[in-house]
Amino acid sequence: MEHTVHRPRMSDNELRKAIGTLQQRADDARKQGADDDAARIERTIADYRDEMSQRL
């Protein structure tokens, strides 16, 4: 049997805030030379933006 993890759905405002915060973290990671970390954060941002676009 496969188990799936269900995250509570974030509100639109929570998603917007998360995207903004994560973008700042990705920018900071890039400035510090942590390109792998920045790329991982940016994948999360893309997932969140995709979720937002599906809601519209």
Protein backbone atom coordinates (compact mmCIF):
# COMPACT_ATOMS: atom_id res chain seq x y z
CA MET A 1 0.00 0.00 0.00
CA GLU A 2 1.35 3.39 -0.96
CA HIS A 3 1.06 6.29 1.44
CA THR A 4 0.67 9.84 0.29
CA VAL A 5 1.40 12.91 2.31
CA HIS A 6 -1.36 15.50 2.15
CA ARG A 7 -0.33 19.05 2.88
CA PRO A 8 -2.97 21.44 4.09
CA ARG A 9 -3.94 23.71 1.22
CA MET A 10 -2.47 27.18 1.52
CA SER A 11 -4.68 30.18 0.90
CA ASP A 12 -3.93 32.45 -2.07
CA ASN A 13 -2.40 35.01 0.27
CA GLU A 14 -0.23 32.37 1.96
CA LEU A 15 1.01 31.20 -1.43
CA ARG A 16 1.85 34.75 -2.50
CA LYS A 17 3.72 35.38 0.75
CA ALA A 18 5.58 32.06 0.46
CA ILE A 19 6.59 32.81 -3.13
CA GLY A 20 7.95 36.23 -2.14
CA THR A 21 9.85 34.86 0.85
CA LEU A 22 11.28 31.96 -1.12
CA GLN A 23 12.36 34.27 -3.95
CA GLN A 24 14.33 36.36 -1.48
CA ARG A 25 15.96 33.20 -0.10
CA ALA A 26 16.82 31.98 -3.60
CA ASP A 27 18.38 35.35 -4.43
CA ASP A 28 20.40 35.28 -1.19
CA ALA A 29 21.53 31.70 -1.87
CA ARG A 30 22.75 32.69 -5.34
CA LYS A 31 24.64 35.68 -3.95
CA GLN A 32 26.37 33.35 -1.50
CA GLY A 33 27.30 30.92 -4.27
CA ALA A 34 24.85 28.21 -3.19
CA ASP A 35 23.52 27.57 -6.68
CA ASP A 36 22.16 24.09 -5.88
CA ASP A 37 20.16 25.47 -2.95
CA ALA A 38 18.88 28.34 -5.08
CA ALA A 39 17.81 25.95 -7.83
CA ARG A 40 15.95 23.75 -5.33
CA ILE A 41 14.16 26.79 -3.89
CA GLU A 42 13.28 28.00 -7.39
CA ARG A 43 11.72 24.60 -8.21
CA THR A 44 9.49 25.04 -5.16
CA ILE A 45 8.60 28.55 -6.32
CA ALA A 46 7.68 27.16 -9.76
CA ASP A 47 5.46 24.54 -8.12
CA TYR A 48 3.71 27.22 -6.06
CA ARG A 49 3.23 29.44 -9.10
CA ASP A 50 1.81 26.50 -11.01
CA GLU A 51 -0.62 25.87 -8.17
CA MET A 52 -1.66 29.53 -8.23
CA SER A 53 -2.25 29.43 -11.99
CA GLN A 54 -4.45 26.35 -11.65
CA ARG A 55 -6.67 28.18 -9.18
CA LEU A 56 -7.42 31.04 -11.57
